[in-house]
């Protein structure tokens, strides 16, 4: 059985590996010219990788929701995977909305000022 230190070590390894994968994904999506699509993909990737959910319905241990959803599909079957799919879908939707509205909010607060590196705008 896992003790608390194994649990924390597992999460630490998962977060480090996920951060490395996200950096690679971030660099890959940097080639996309239309930035709202790139930012939406980045936000969805973050939400899919790092949304936690409870391993069991009555437990207090957390695991990545995508893994909990897949394991519930394989082991329990039926519609039990919905337990982890709901928070995962909500976090993906929230990441999508934030990725699309954040540039609009930033533009509203900064106004139409010229960028210091390019004063001819």
PDB file of N, CA and C in Angstrom:
ATOM      1  N   UNK A   1       0.831  -1.179   0.000  1.00  0.00           N
ATOM      2  CA  UNK A   1       0.000   0.000   0.000  1.00  0.00           C
ATOM      3  C   UNK A   1       0.872   1.237   0.000  1.00  0.00           C
ATOM      4  N   UNK A   2       0.384   2.282  -0.614  1.00  0.00           N
ATOM      5  CA  UNK A   2       1.126   3.526  -0.705  1.00  0.00           C
ATOM      6  C   UNK A   2       1.022   4.323   0.587  1.00  0.00           C
ATOM      7  N   UNK A   3       2.131   4.899   1.006  1.00  0.00           N
ATOM      8  CA  UNK A   3       2.043   5.857   2.105  1.00  0.00           C
ATOM      9  C   UNK A   3       2.045   7.261   1.513  1.00  0.00           C
ATOM     10  N   UNK A   4       1.969   8.264   2.336  1.00  0.00           N
ATOM     11  CA  UNK A   4       1.807   9.635   1.874  1.00  0.00           C
ATOM     12  C   UNK A   4       3.020  10.113   1.083  1.00  0.00           C
ATOM     13  N   UNK A   5       4.192   9.622   1.426  1.00  0.00           N
ATOM     14  CA  UNK A   5       5.399  10.047   0.723  1.00  0.00           C
ATOM     15  C   UNK A   5       5.446   9.482  -0.695  1.00  0.00           C
ATOM     16  N   UNK A   6       5.000   8.254  -0.874  1.00  0.00           N
ATOM     17  CA  UNK A   6       4.914   7.688  -2.222  1.00  0.00           C
ATOM     18  C   UNK A   6       3.891   8.443  -3.064  1.00  0.00           C
ATOM     19  N   UNK A   7       2.798   8.831  -2.445  1.00  0.00           N
ATOM     20  CA  UNK A   7       1.758   9.591  -3.127  1.00  0.00           C
ATOM     21  C   UNK A   7       2.290  10.941  -3.586  1.00  0.00           C
ATOM     22  N   UNK A   8       2.981  11.653  -2.712  1.00  0.00           N
ATOM     23  CA  UNK A   8       3.559  12.955  -3.049  1.00  0.00           C
ATOM     24  C   UNK A   8       4.650  12.805  -4.096  1.00  0.00           C
ATOM     25  N   UNK A   9       5.472  11.762  -3.988  1.00  0.00           N
ATOM     26  CA  UNK A   9       6.517  11.511  -4.977  1.00  0.00           C
ATOM     27  C   UNK A   9       5.904  11.219  -6.349  1.00  0.00           C
ATOM     28  N   UNK A  10       4.840  10.454  -6.377  1.00  0.00           N
ATOM     29  CA  UNK A  10       4.161  10.153  -7.640  1.00  0.00           C
ATOM     30  C   UNK A  10       3.612  11.398  -8.291  1.00  0.00           C
ATOM     31  N   UNK A  11       2.975  12.260  -7.486  1.00  0.00           N
ATOM     32  CA  UNK A  11       2.458  13.515  -8.036  1.00  0.00           C
ATOM     33  C   UNK A  11       3.600  14.404  -8.509  1.00  0.00           C
ATOM     34  N   UNK A  12       4.689  14.438  -7.789  1.00  0.00           N
ATOM     35  CA  UNK A  12       5.835  15.256  -8.193  1.00  0.00           C
ATOM     36  C   UNK A  12       6.409  14.802  -9.530  1.00  0.00           C
ATOM     37  N   UNK A  13       6.548  13.495  -9.698  1.00  0.00           N
ATOM     38  CA  UNK A  13       7.050  12.966 -10.965  1.00  0.00           C
ATOM     39  C   UNK A  13       6.061  13.267 -12.081  1.00  0.00           C
ATOM     40  N   UNK A  14       4.769  13.108 -11.813  1.00  0.00           N
ATOM     41  CA  UNK A  14       3.757  13.369 -12.828  1.00  0.00           C
ATOM     42  C   UNK A  14       3.750  14.843 -13.238  1.00  0.00           C
ATOM     43  N   UNK A  15       3.846  15.751 -12.287  1.00  0.00           N
ATOM     44  CA  UNK A  15       3.845  17.182 -12.594  1.00  0.00           C
ATOM     45  C   UNK A  15       5.106  17.571 -13.360  1.00  0.00           C
ATOM     46  N   UNK A  16       6.265  17.008 -12.981  1.00  0.00           N
ATOM     47  CA  UNK A  16       7.502  17.319 -13.700  1.00  0.00           C
ATOM     48  C   UNK A  16       7.436  16.807 -15.140  1.00  0.00           C
ATOM     49  N   UNK A  17       6.966  15.580 -15.334  1.00  0.00           N
ATOM     50  CA  UNK A  17       6.853  15.027 -16.681  1.00  0.00           C
ATOM     51  C   UNK A  17       5.801  15.781 -17.494  1.00  0.00           C
ATOM     52  N   UNK A  18       4.692  16.147 -16.852  1.00  0.00           N
ATOM     53  CA  UNK A  18       3.656  16.913 -17.539  1.00  0.00           C
ATOM     54  C   UNK A  18       4.138  18.294 -17.939  1.00  0.00           C
ATOM     55  N   UNK A  19       4.924  18.927 -17.080  1.00  0.00           N
ATOM     56  CA  UNK A  19       5.470  20.245 -17.411  1.00  0.00           C
ATOM     57  C   UNK A  19       6.424  20.146 -18.596  1.00  0.00           C
ATOM     58  N   UNK A  20       7.235  19.107 -18.627  1.00  0.00           N
ATOM     59  CA  UNK A  20       8.141  18.911 -19.754  1.00  0.00           C
ATOM     60  C   UNK A  20       7.358  18.663 -21.046  1.00  0.00           C
ATOM     61  N   UNK A  21       6.331  17.841 -20.981  1.00  0.00           N
ATOM     62  CA  UNK A  21       5.481  17.597 -22.155  1.00  0.00           C
ATOM     63  C   UNK A  21       4.783  18.879 -22.595  1.00  0.00           C
ATOM     64  N   UNK A  22       4.349  19.696 -21.640  1.00  0.00           N
ATOM     65  CA  UNK A  22       3.677  20.940 -22.003  1.00  0.00           C
ATOM     66  C   UNK A  22       4.639  21.919 -22.658  1.00  0.00           C
ATOM     67  N   UNK A  23       5.879  21.979 -22.197  1.00  0.00           N
ATOM     68  CA  UNK A  23       6.860  22.867 -22.819  1.00  0.00           C
ATOM     69  C   UNK A  23       7.086  22.454 -24.271  1.00  0.00           C
ATOM     70  N   UNK A  24       7.180  21.162 -24.526  1.00  0.00           N
ATOM     71  CA  UNK A  24       7.335  20.665 -25.894  1.00  0.00           C
ATOM     72  C   UNK A  24       6.097  21.008 -26.721  1.00  0.00           C
ATOM     73  N   UNK A  25       4.914  20.814 -26.135  1.00  0.00           N
ATOM     74  CA  UNK A  25       3.672  21.133 -26.839  1.00  0.00           C
ATOM     75  C   UNK A  25       3.567  22.634 -27.094  1.00  0.00           C
ATOM     76  N   UNK A  26       3.987  23.448 -26.148  1.00  0.00           N
ATOM     77  CA  UNK A  26       3.961  24.904 -26.288  1.00  0.00           C
ATOM     78  C   UNK A  26       4.844  25.342 -27.448  1.00  0.00           C
ATOM     79  N   UNK A  27       6.036  24.768 -27.521  1.00  0.00           N
ATOM     80  CA  UNK A  27       6.946  25.105 -28.617  1.00  0.00           C
ATOM     81  C   UNK A  27       6.390  24.647 -29.958  1.00  0.00           C
ATOM     82  N   UNK A  28       5.734  23.492 -29.970  1.00  0.00           N
ATOM     83  CA  UNK A  28       5.157  22.962 -31.204  1.00  0.00           C
ATOM     84  C   UNK A  28       4.003  23.838 -31.682  1.00  0.00           C
ATOM     85  N   UNK A  29       3.136  24.272 -30.781  1.00  0.00           N
ATOM     86  CA  UNK A  29       2.008  25.115 -31.176  1.00  0.00           C
ATOM     87  C   UNK A  29       2.433  26.544 -31.452  1.00  0.00           C
ATOM     88  N   UNK A  30       3.666  26.888 -31.173  1.00  0.00           N
ATOM     89  CA  UNK A  30       4.169  28.216 -31.503  1.00  0.00           C
ATOM     90  C   UNK A  30       4.233  28.457 -33.004  1.00  0.00           C
ATOM     91  N   UNK A  31       4.234  27.376 -33.784  1.00  0.00           N
ATOM     92  CA  UNK A  31       4.268  27.503 -35.242  1.00  0.00           C
ATOM     93  C   UNK A  31       2.912  27.900 -35.823  1.00  0.00           C
ATOM     94  N   UNK A  32       1.852  27.817 -35.031  1.00  0.00           N
ATOM     95  CA  UNK A  32       0.524  28.178 -35.515  1.00  0.00           C
ATOM     96  C   UNK A  32       0.439  29.706 -35.560  1.00  0.00           C
ATOM     97  N   UNK A  33       0.121  30.243 -36.718  1.00  0.00           N
ATOM     98  CA  UNK A  33       0.084  31.698 -36.894  1.00  0.00           C
ATOM     99  C   UNK A  33      -1.094  32.353 -36.194  1.00  0.00           C
ATOM    100  N   UNK A  34      -2.246  31.703 -36.212  1.00  0.00           N
ATOM    101  CA  UNK A  34      -3.450  32.267 -35.603  1.00  0.00           C
ATOM    102  C   UNK A  34      -3.414  31.975 -34.107  1.00  0.00           C
ATOM    103  N   UNK A  35      -3.046  32.953 -33.302  1.00  0.00           N
ATOM    104  CA  UNK A  35      -2.775  32.755 -31.877  1.00  0.00           C
ATOM    105  C   UNK A  35      -3.978  32.308 -31.044  1.00  0.00           C
ATOM    106  N   UNK A  36      -5.222  32.708 -31.355  1.00  0.00           N
ATOM    107  CA  UNK A  36      -6.322  32.174 -30.549  1.00  0.00           C
ATOM    108  C   UNK A  36      -6.441  30.640 -30.619  1.00  0.00           C
ATOM    109  N   UNK A  37      -6.140  30.065 -31.758  1.00  0.00           N
ATOM    110  CA  UNK A  37      -6.174  28.598 -31.859  1.00  0.00           C
ATOM    111  C   UNK A  37      -5.033  27.991 -31.054  1.00  0.00           C
ATOM    112  N   UNK A  38      -3.844  28.573 -31.161  1.00  0.00           N
ATOM    113  CA  UNK A  38      -2.701  28.062 -30.408  1.00  0.00           C
ATOM    114  C   UNK A  38      -2.953  28.155 -28.906  1.00  0.00           C
ATOM    115  N   UNK A  39      -3.472  29.289 -28.449  1.00  0.00           N
ATOM    116  CA  UNK A  39      -3.739  29.448 -27.019  1.00  0.00           C
ATOM    117  C   UNK A  39      -4.851  28.528 -26.540  1.00  0.00           C
ATOM    118  N   UNK A  40      -5.857  28.291 -27.379  1.00  0.00           N
ATOM    119  CA  UNK A  40      -6.928  27.364 -27.008  1.00  0.00           C
ATOM    120  C   UNK A  40      -6.397  25.943 -26.872  1.00  0.00           C
ATOM    121  N   UNK A  41      -5.546  25.533 -27.800  1.00  0.00           N
ATOM    122  CA  UNK A  41      -4.951  24.198 -27.715  1.00  0.00           C
ATOM    123  C   UNK A  41      -4.072  24.062 -26.479  1.00  0.00           C
ATOM    124  N   UNK A  42      -3.338  25.101 -26.163  1.00  0.00           N
ATOM    125  CA  UNK A  42      -2.478  25.068 -24.973  1.00  0.00           C
ATOM    126  C   UNK A  42      -3.301  24.973 -23.696  1.00  0.00           C
ATOM    127  N   UNK A  43      -4.382  25.744 -23.632  1.00  0.00           N
ATOM    128  CA  UNK A  43      -5.239  25.690 -22.452  1.00  0.00           C
ATOM    129  C   UNK A  43      -5.917  24.340 -22.293  1.00  0.00           C
ATOM    130  N   UNK A  44      -6.378  23.779 -23.399  1.00  0.00           N
ATOM    131  CA  UNK A  44      -7.012  22.458 -23.326  1.00  0.00           C
ATOM    132  C   UNK A  44      -6.014  21.383 -22.909  1.00  0.00           C
ATOM    133  N   UNK A  45      -4.784  21.504 -23.389  1.00  0.00           N
ATOM    134  CA  UNK A  45      -3.755  20.536 -22.996  1.00  0.00           C
ATOM    135  C   UNK A  45      -3.470  20.632 -21.498  1.00  0.00           C
ATOM    136  N   UNK A  46      -3.372  21.859 -20.984  1.00  0.00           N
ATOM    137  CA  UNK A  46      -3.166  22.023 -19.540  1.00  0.00           C
ATOM    138  C   UNK A  46      -4.316  21.428 -18.738  1.00  0.00           C
ATOM    139  N   UNK A  47      -5.542  21.684 -19.187  1.00  0.00           N
ATOM    140  CA  UNK A  47      -6.706  21.171 -18.473  1.00  0.00           C
ATOM    141  C   UNK A  47      -6.747  19.649 -18.518  1.00  0.00           C
ATOM    142  N   UNK A  48      -6.454  19.062 -19.652  1.00  0.00           N
ATOM    143  CA  UNK A  48      -6.487  17.602 -19.764  1.00  0.00           C
ATOM    144  C   UNK A  48      -5.400  16.947 -18.915  1.00  0.00           C
ATOM    145  N   UNK A  49      -4.233  17.569 -18.854  1.00  0.00           N
ATOM    146  CA  UNK A  49      -3.131  16.941 -18.120  1.00  0.00           C
ATOM    147  C   UNK A  49      -3.205  17.144 -16.617  1.00  0.00           C
ATOM    148  N   UNK A  50      -3.673  18.312 -16.165  1.00  0.00           N
ATOM    149  CA  UNK A  50      -3.509  18.649 -14.761  1.00  0.00           C
ATOM    150  C   UNK A  50      -4.802  18.796 -13.966  1.00  0.00           C
ATOM    151  N   UNK A  51      -5.943  18.373 -14.496  1.00  0.00           N
ATOM    152  CA  UNK A  51      -7.175  18.411 -13.709  1.00  0.00           C
ATOM    153  C   UNK A  51      -7.214  17.202 -12.778  1.00  0.00           C
ATOM    154  N   UNK A  52      -7.235  17.415 -11.468  1.00  0.00           N
ATOM    155  CA  UNK A  52      -7.284  16.268 -10.548  1.00  0.00           C
ATOM    156  C   UNK A  52      -8.724  15.848 -10.247  1.00  0.00           C
ATOM    157  N   UNK A  53      -8.886  14.594  -9.862  1.00  0.00           N
ATOM    158  CA  UNK A  53     -10.180  14.099  -9.419  1.00  0.00           C
ATOM    159  C   UNK A  53      -9.954  12.945  -8.457  1.00  0.00           C
ATOM    160  N   UNK A  54     -10.972  12.639  -7.654  1.00  0.00           N
ATOM    161  CA  UNK A  54     -10.869  11.603  -6.631  1.00  0.00           C
ATOM    162  C   UNK A  54     -10.791  10.213  -7.263  1.00  0.00           C
ATOM    163  N   UNK A  55      -9.896   9.382  -6.731  1.00  0.00           N
ATOM    164  CA  UNK A  55      -9.707   8.037  -7.254  1.00  0.00           C
ATOM    165  C   UNK A  55     -10.943   7.189  -6.997  1.00  0.00           C
ATOM    166  N   UNK A  56     -11.475   7.257  -5.792  1.00  0.00           N
ATOM    167  CA  UNK A  56     -12.707   6.542  -5.453  1.00  0.00           C
ATOM    168  C   UNK A  56     -13.752   7.561  -5.024  1.00  0.00           C
ATOM    169  N   UNK A  57     -14.994   7.141  -5.085  1.00  0.00           N
ATOM    170  CA  UNK A  57     -16.085   8.062  -4.760  1.00  0.00           C
ATOM    171  C   UNK A  57     -16.041   8.508  -3.299  1.00  0.00           C
ATOM    172  N   UNK A  58     -15.581   7.653  -2.414  1.00  0.00           N
ATOM    173  CA  UNK A  58     -15.556   7.996  -0.992  1.00  0.00           C
ATOM    174  C   UNK A  58     -14.144   8.214  -0.456  1.00  0.00           C
ATOM    175  N   UNK A  59     -13.152   8.254  -1.330  1.00  0.00           N
ATOM    176  CA  UNK A  59     -11.770   8.411  -0.894  1.00  0.00           C
ATOM    177  C   UNK A  59     -11.327   9.859  -0.866  1.00  0.00           C
ATOM    178  N   UNK A  60     -10.096  10.059  -0.413  1.00  0.00           N
ATOM    179  CA  UNK A  60      -9.555  11.403  -0.358  1.00  0.00           C
ATOM    180  C   UNK A  60      -8.281  11.544  -1.187  1.00  0.00           C
ATOM    181  N   UNK A  61      -7.904  10.506  -1.931  1.00  0.00           N
ATOM    182  CA  UNK A  61      -6.738  10.580  -2.799  1.00  0.00           C
ATOM    183  C   UNK A  61      -7.141  11.106  -4.173  1.00  0.00           C
ATOM    184  N   UNK A  62      -6.294  11.938  -4.726  1.00  0.00           N
ATOM    185  CA  UNK A  62      -6.554  12.514  -6.043  1.00  0.00           C
ATOM    186  C   UNK A  62      -5.598  11.925  -7.071  1.00  0.00           C
ATOM    187  N   UNK A  63      -6.069  11.888  -8.307  1.00  0.00           N
ATOM    188  CA  UNK A  63      -5.252  11.475  -9.453  1.00  0.00           C
ATOM    189  C   UNK A  63      -5.693  12.318 -10.633  1.00  0.00           C
ATOM    190  N   UNK A  64      -4.907  12.353 -11.708  1.00  0.00           N
ATOM    191  CA  UNK A  64      -5.359  13.101 -12.890  1.00  0.00           C
ATOM    192  C   UNK A  64      -6.696  12.557 -13.394  1.00  0.00           C
ATOM    193  N   UNK A  65      -7.614  13.468 -13.699  1.00  0.00           N
ATOM    194  CA  UNK A  65      -8.979  13.072 -14.059  1.00  0.00           C
ATOM    195  C   UNK A  65      -9.016  12.229 -15.317  1.00  0.00           C
ATOM    196  N   UNK A  66      -8.128  12.465 -16.252  1.00  0.00           N
ATOM    197  CA  UNK A  66      -8.120  11.677 -17.483  1.00  0.00           C
ATOM    198  C   UNK A  66      -7.751  10.229 -17.177  1.00  0.00           C
ATOM    199  N   UNK A  67      -6.856  10.017 -16.235  1.00  0.00           N
ATOM    200  CA  UNK A  67      -6.464   8.651 -15.858  1.00  0.00           C
ATOM    201  C   UNK A  67      -7.578   7.984 -15.071  1.00  0.00           C
ATOM    202  N   UNK A  68      -8.215   8.726 -14.166  1.00  0.00           N
ATOM    203  CA  UNK A  68      -9.343   8.170 -13.406  1.00  0.00           C
ATOM    204  C   UNK A  68     -10.470   7.784 -14.357  1.00  0.00           C
ATOM    205  N   UNK A  69     -10.735   8.621 -15.335  1.00  0.00           N
ATOM    206  CA  UNK A  69     -11.798   8.334 -16.295  1.00  0.00           C
ATOM    207  C   UNK A  69     -11.480   7.073 -17.095  1.00  0.00           C
ATOM    208  N   UNK A  70     -10.268   6.947 -17.588  1.00  0.00           N
ATOM    209  CA  UNK A  70      -9.877   5.761 -18.364  1.00  0.00           C
ATOM    210  C   UNK A  70      -9.917   4.496 -17.506  1.00  0.00           C
ATOM    211  N   UNK A  71      -9.414   4.575 -16.291  1.00  0.00           N
ATOM    212  CA  UNK A  71      -9.430   3.391 -15.435  1.00  0.00           C
ATOM    213  C   UNK A  71     -10.847   2.996 -15.038  1.00  0.00           C
ATOM    214  N   UNK A  72     -11.726   3.969 -14.814  1.00  0.00           N
ATOM    215  CA  UNK A  72     -13.126   3.638 -14.525  1.00  0.00           C
ATOM    216  C   UNK A  72     -13.787   2.968 -15.720  1.00  0.00           C
ATOM    217  N   UNK A  73     -13.449   3.404 -16.930  1.00  0.00           N
ATOM    218  CA  UNK A  73     -14.008   2.773 -18.128  1.00  0.00           C
ATOM    219  C   UNK A  73     -13.552   1.328 -18.252  1.00  0.00           C
ATOM    220  N   UNK A  74     -12.279   1.097 -17.985  1.00  0.00           N
ATOM    221  CA  UNK A  74     -11.715  -0.242 -18.173  1.00  0.00           C
ATOM    222  C   UNK A  74     -12.125  -1.190 -17.045  1.00  0.00           C
ATOM    223  N   UNK A  75     -12.033  -0.740 -15.812  1.00  0.00           N
ATOM    224  CA  UNK A  75     -12.256  -1.652 -14.690  1.00  0.00           C
ATOM    225  C   UNK A  75     -13.715  -1.792 -14.289  1.00  0.00           C
ATOM    226  N   UNK A  76     -14.418  -0.684 -14.128  1.00  0.00           N
ATOM    227  CA  UNK A  76     -15.800  -0.747 -13.659  1.00  0.00           C
ATOM    228  C   UNK A  76     -16.752  -0.899 -14.825  1.00  0.00           C
ATOM    229  N   UNK A  77     -16.508  -0.150 -15.906  1.00  0.00           N
ATOM    230  CA  UNK A  77     -17.354  -0.238 -17.088  1.00  0.00           C
ATOM    231  C   UNK A  77     -18.629   0.570 -16.946  1.00  0.00           C
ATOM    232  N   UNK A  78     -19.502   0.427 -17.923  1.00  0.00           N
ATOM    233  CA  UNK A  78     -20.774   1.146 -17.890  1.00  0.00           C
ATOM    234  C   UNK A  78     -20.581   2.634 -18.006  1.00  0.00           C
ATOM    235  N   UNK A  79     -21.330   3.368 -17.236  1.00  0.00           N
ATOM    236  CA  UNK A  79     -21.254   4.826 -17.264  1.00  0.00           C
ATOM    237  C   UNK A  79     -20.505   5.382 -16.053  1.00  0.00           C
ATOM    238  N   UNK A  80     -19.681   4.584 -15.435  1.00  0.00           N
ATOM    239  CA  UNK A  80     -18.958   5.046 -14.249  1.00  0.00           C
ATOM    240  C   UNK A  80     -17.888   6.082 -14.586  1.00  0.00           C
ATOM    241  N   UNK A  81     -17.448   6.126 -15.839  1.00  0.00           N
ATOM    242  CA  UNK A  81     -16.417   7.092 -16.215  1.00  0.00           C
ATOM    243  C   UNK A  81     -16.933   8.526 -16.184  1.00  0.00           C
ATOM    244  N   UNK A  82     -18.236   8.717 -16.158  1.00  0.00           N
ATOM    245  CA  UNK A  82     -18.813  10.062 -16.141  1.00  0.00           C
ATOM    246  C   UNK A  82     -18.427  10.795 -14.860  1.00  0.00           C
ATOM    247  N   UNK A  83     -18.161  10.050 -13.809  1.00  0.00           N
ATOM    248  CA  UNK A  83     -17.770  10.634 -12.529  1.00  0.00           C
ATOM    249  C   UNK A  83     -16.541  11.522 -12.678  1.00  0.00           C
ATOM    250  N   UNK A  84     -15.593  11.135 -13.503  1.00  0.00           N
ATOM    251  CA  UNK A  84     -14.390  11.941 -13.720  1.00  0.00           C
ATOM    252  C   UNK A  84     -14.486  12.776 -14.986  1.00  0.00           C
ATOM    253  N   UNK A  85     -15.408  12.438 -15.880  1.00  0.00           N
ATOM    254  CA  UNK A  85     -15.511  13.177 -17.136  1.00  0.00           C
ATOM    255  C   UNK A  85     -16.135  14.557 -16.942  1.00  0.00           C
ATOM    256  N   UNK A  86     -17.047  14.686 -15.990  1.00  0.00           N
ATOM    257  CA  UNK A  86     -17.718  15.968 -15.767  1.00  0.00           C
ATOM    258  C   UNK A  86     -16.731  17.064 -15.354  1.00  0.00           C
ATOM    259  N   UNK A  87     -15.901  16.875 -14.331  1.00  0.00           N
ATOM    260  CA  UNK A  87     -14.955  17.955 -14.001  1.00  0.00           C
ATOM    261  C   UNK A  87     -13.915  18.171 -15.094  1.00  0.00           C
ATOM    262  N   UNK A  88     -13.563  17.104 -15.812  1.00  0.00           N
ATOM    263  CA  UNK A  88     -12.607  17.250 -16.904  1.00  0.00           C
ATOM    264  C   UNK A  88     -13.195  18.086 -18.029  1.00  0.00           C
ATOM    265  N   UNK A  89     -14.436  17.831 -18.381  1.00  0.00           N
ATOM    266  CA  UNK A  89     -15.096  18.609 -19.439  1.00  0.00           C
ATOM    267  C   UNK A  89     -15.273  20.067 -19.003  1.00  0.00           C
ATOM    268  N   UNK A  90     -15.600  20.286 -17.743  1.00  0.00           N
ATOM    269  CA  UNK A  90     -15.749  21.655 -17.247  1.00  0.00           C
ATOM    270  C   UNK A  90     -14.423  22.415 -17.269  1.00  0.00           C
ATOM    271  N   UNK A  91     -13.354  21.751 -16.906  1.00  0.00           N
ATOM    272  CA  UNK A  91     -12.054  22.436 -16.919  1.00  0.00           C
ATOM    273  C   UNK A  91     -11.573  22.703 -18.339  1.00  0.00           C
ATOM    274  N   UNK A  92     -11.854  21.799 -19.272  1.00  0.00           N
ATOM    275  CA  UNK A  92     -11.491  22.039 -20.673  1.00  0.00           C
ATOM    276  C   UNK A  92     -12.299  23.216 -21.221  1.00  0.00           C
ATOM    277  N   UNK A  93     -13.581  23.266 -20.912  1.00  0.00           N
ATOM    278  CA  UNK A  93     -14.422  24.374 -21.361  1.00  0.00           C
ATOM    279  C   UNK A  93     -13.943  25.697 -20.758  1.00  0.00           C
ATOM    280  N   UNK A  94     -13.609  25.691 -19.471  1.00  0.00           N
ATOM    281  CA  UNK A  94     -13.114  26.904 -18.816  1.00  0.00           C
ATOM    282  C   UNK A  94     -11.793  27.350 -19.425  1.00  0.00           C
ATOM    283  N   UNK A  95     -10.904  26.412 -19.732  1.00  0.00           N
ATOM    284  CA  UNK A  95      -9.631  26.760 -20.364  1.00  0.00           C
ATOM    285  C   UNK A  95      -9.854  27.357 -21.743  1.00  0.00           C
ATOM    286  N   UNK A  96     -10.808  26.824 -22.486  1.00  0.00           N
ATOM    287  CA  UNK A  96     -11.133  27.338 -23.813  1.00  0.00           C
ATOM    288  C   UNK A  96     -11.665  28.767 -23.721  1.00  0.00           C
ATOM    289  N   UNK A  97     -12.570  29.002 -22.774  1.00  0.00           N
ATOM    290  CA  UNK A  97     -13.142  30.346 -22.605  1.00  0.00           C
ATOM    291  C   UNK A  97     -12.076  31.336 -22.159  1.00  0.00           C
ATOM    292  N   UNK A  98     -11.232  30.951 -21.231  1.00  0.00           N
ATOM    293  CA  UNK A  98     -10.172  31.833 -20.747  1.00  0.00           C
ATOM    294  C   UNK A  98      -9.183  32.148 -21.866  1.00  0.00           C
ATOM    295  N   UNK A  99      -8.833  31.134 -22.660  1.00  0.00           N
ATOM    296  CA  UNK A  99      -7.877  31.353 -23.747  1.00  0.00           C
ATOM    297  C   UNK A  99      -8.426  32.305 -24.796  1.00  0.00           C
ATOM    298  N   UNK A 100      -9.727  32.296 -24.999  1.00  0.00           N
ATOM    299  CA  UNK A 100     -10.305  33.177 -26.006  1.00  0.00           C
ATOM    300  C   UNK A 100     -10.612  34.577 -25.477  1.00  0.00           C
ATOM    301  N   UNK A 101     -10.922  34.703 -24.185  1.00  0.00           N
ATOM    302  CA  UNK A 101     -11.287  36.012 -23.652  1.00  0.00           C
ATOM    303  C   UNK A 101     -10.115  36.782 -23.046  1.00  0.00           C
ATOM    304  N   UNK A 102      -9.062  36.113 -22.668  1.00  0.00           N
ATOM    305  CA  UNK A 102      -7.927  36.801 -22.038  1.00  0.00           C
ATOM    306  C   UNK A 102      -7.299  37.860 -22.946  1.00  0.00           C
ATOM    307  N   UNK A 103      -7.081  37.601 -24.238  1.00  0.00           N
ATOM    308  CA  UNK A 103      -6.548  38.692 -25.088  1.00  0.00           C
ATOM    309  C   UNK A 103      -7.506  39.877 -25.209  1.00  0.00           C
ATOM    310  N   UNK A 104      -8.804  39.624 -25.199  1.00  0.00           N
ATOM    311  CA  UNK A 104      -9.772  40.726 -25.267  1.00  0.00           C
ATOM    312  C   UNK A 104      -9.730  41.573 -24.006  1.00  0.00           C
ATOM    313  N   UNK A 105      -9.627  40.910 -22.869  1.00  0.00           N
ATOM    314  CA  UNK A 105      -9.537  41.632 -21.599  1.00  0.00           C
ATOM    315  C   UNK A 105      -8.235  42.416 -21.530  1.00  0.00           C
ATOM    316  N   UNK A 106      -7.149  41.801 -21.963  1.00  0.00           N
ATOM    317  CA  UNK A 106      -5.847  42.477 -21.954  1.00  0.00           C
ATOM    318  C   UNK A 106      -5.872  43.703 -22.864  1.00  0.00           C
ATOM    319  N   UNK A 107      -6.494  43.571 -24.024  1.00  0.00           N
ATOM    320  CA  UNK A 107      -6.593  44.697 -24.960  1.00  0.00           C
ATOM    321  C   UNK A 107      -7.468  45.809 -24.385  1.00  0.00           C
ATOM    322  N   UNK A 108      -8.522  45.450 -23.662  1.00  0.00           N
ATOM    323  CA  UNK A 108      -9.404  46.461 -23.084  1.00  0.00           C
ATOM    324  C   UNK A 108      -8.680  47.281 -22.017  1.00  0.00           C
ATOM    325  N   UNK A 109      -7.795  46.644 -21.244  1.00  0.00           N
ATOM    326  CA  UNK A 109      -7.091  47.363 -20.196  1.00  0.00           C
ATOM    327  C   UNK A 109      -5.883  48.129 -20.706  1.00  0.00           C
ATOM    328  N   UNK A 110      -5.255  47.649 -21.764  1.00  0.00           N
ATOM    329  CA  UNK A 110      -4.076  48.350 -22.262  1.00  0.00           C
ATOM    330  C   UNK A 110      -4.437  49.415 -23.279  1.00  0.00           C
ATOM    331  N   UNK A 111      -5.595  49.319 -23.904  1.00  0.00           N
ATOM    332  CA  UNK A 111      -6.003  50.312 -24.897  1.00  0.00           C
ATOM    333  C   UNK A 111      -5.260  50.114 -26.201  1.00  0.00           C
ATOM    334  N   UNK A 112      -5.152  51.168 -26.964  1.00  0.00           N
ATOM    335  CA  UNK A 112      -4.479  51.106 -28.255  1.00  0.00           C
ATOM    336  C   UNK A 112      -3.106  51.765 -28.196  1.00  0.00           C
ATOM    337  N   UNK A 113      -2.378  51.521 -27.157  1.00  0.00           N
ATOM    338  CA  UNK A 113      -1.030  52.062 -27.040  1.00  0.00           C
ATOM    339  C   UNK A 113      -0.097  51.348 -28.006  1.00  0.00           C
ATOM    340  N   UNK A 114       0.931  52.055 -28.443  1.00  0.00           N
ATOM    341  CA  UNK A 114       1.900  51.416 -29.317  1.00  0.00           C
ATOM    342  C   UNK A 114       2.872  50.597 -28.487  1.00  0.00           C
ATOM    343  N   UNK A 115       3.373  49.574 -29.089  1.00  0.00           N
ATOM    344  CA  UNK A 115       4.346  48.717 -28.426  1.00  0.00           C
ATOM    345  C   UNK A 115       5.702  49.437 -28.414  1.00  0.00           C
ATOM    346  N   UNK A 116       6.443  49.429 -27.305  1.00  0.00           N
ATOM    347  CA  UNK A 116       7.711  50.161 -27.234  1.00  0.00           C
ATOM    348  C   UNK A 116       8.736  49.700 -28.264  1.00  0.00           C
ATOM    349  N   UNK A 117       8.670  48.446 -28.685  1.00  0.00           N
ATOM    350  CA  UNK A 117       9.651  47.958 -29.647  1.00  0.00           C
ATOM    351  C   UNK A 117       9.308  48.411 -31.065  1.00  0.00           C
ATOM    352  N   UNK A 118       8.059  48.792 -31.314  1.00  0.00           N
ATOM    353  CA  UNK A 118       7.627  49.190 -32.653  1.00  0.00           C
ATOM    354  C   UNK A 118       6.797  50.475 -32.563  1.00  0.00           C
ATOM    355  N   UNK A 119       7.435  51.641 -32.478  1.00  0.00           N
ATOM    356  CA  UNK A 119       6.679  52.896 -32.283  1.00  0.00           C
ATOM    357  C   UNK A 119       5.952  53.377 -33.534  1.00  0.00           C
ATOM    358  N   UNK A 120       6.159  52.776 -34.705  1.00  0.00           N
ATOM    359  CA  UNK A 120       5.492  53.213 -35.924  1.00  0.00           C
ATOM    360  C   UNK A 120       4.075  52.704 -36.073  1.00  0.00           C
ATOM    361  N   UNK A 121       3.566  51.962 -35.164  1.00  0.00           N
ATOM    362  CA  UNK A 121       2.214  51.405 -35.285  1.00  0.00           C
ATOM    363  C   UNK A 121       1.164  52.467 -35.224  1.00  0.00           C
TER     364      UNK A 121
END
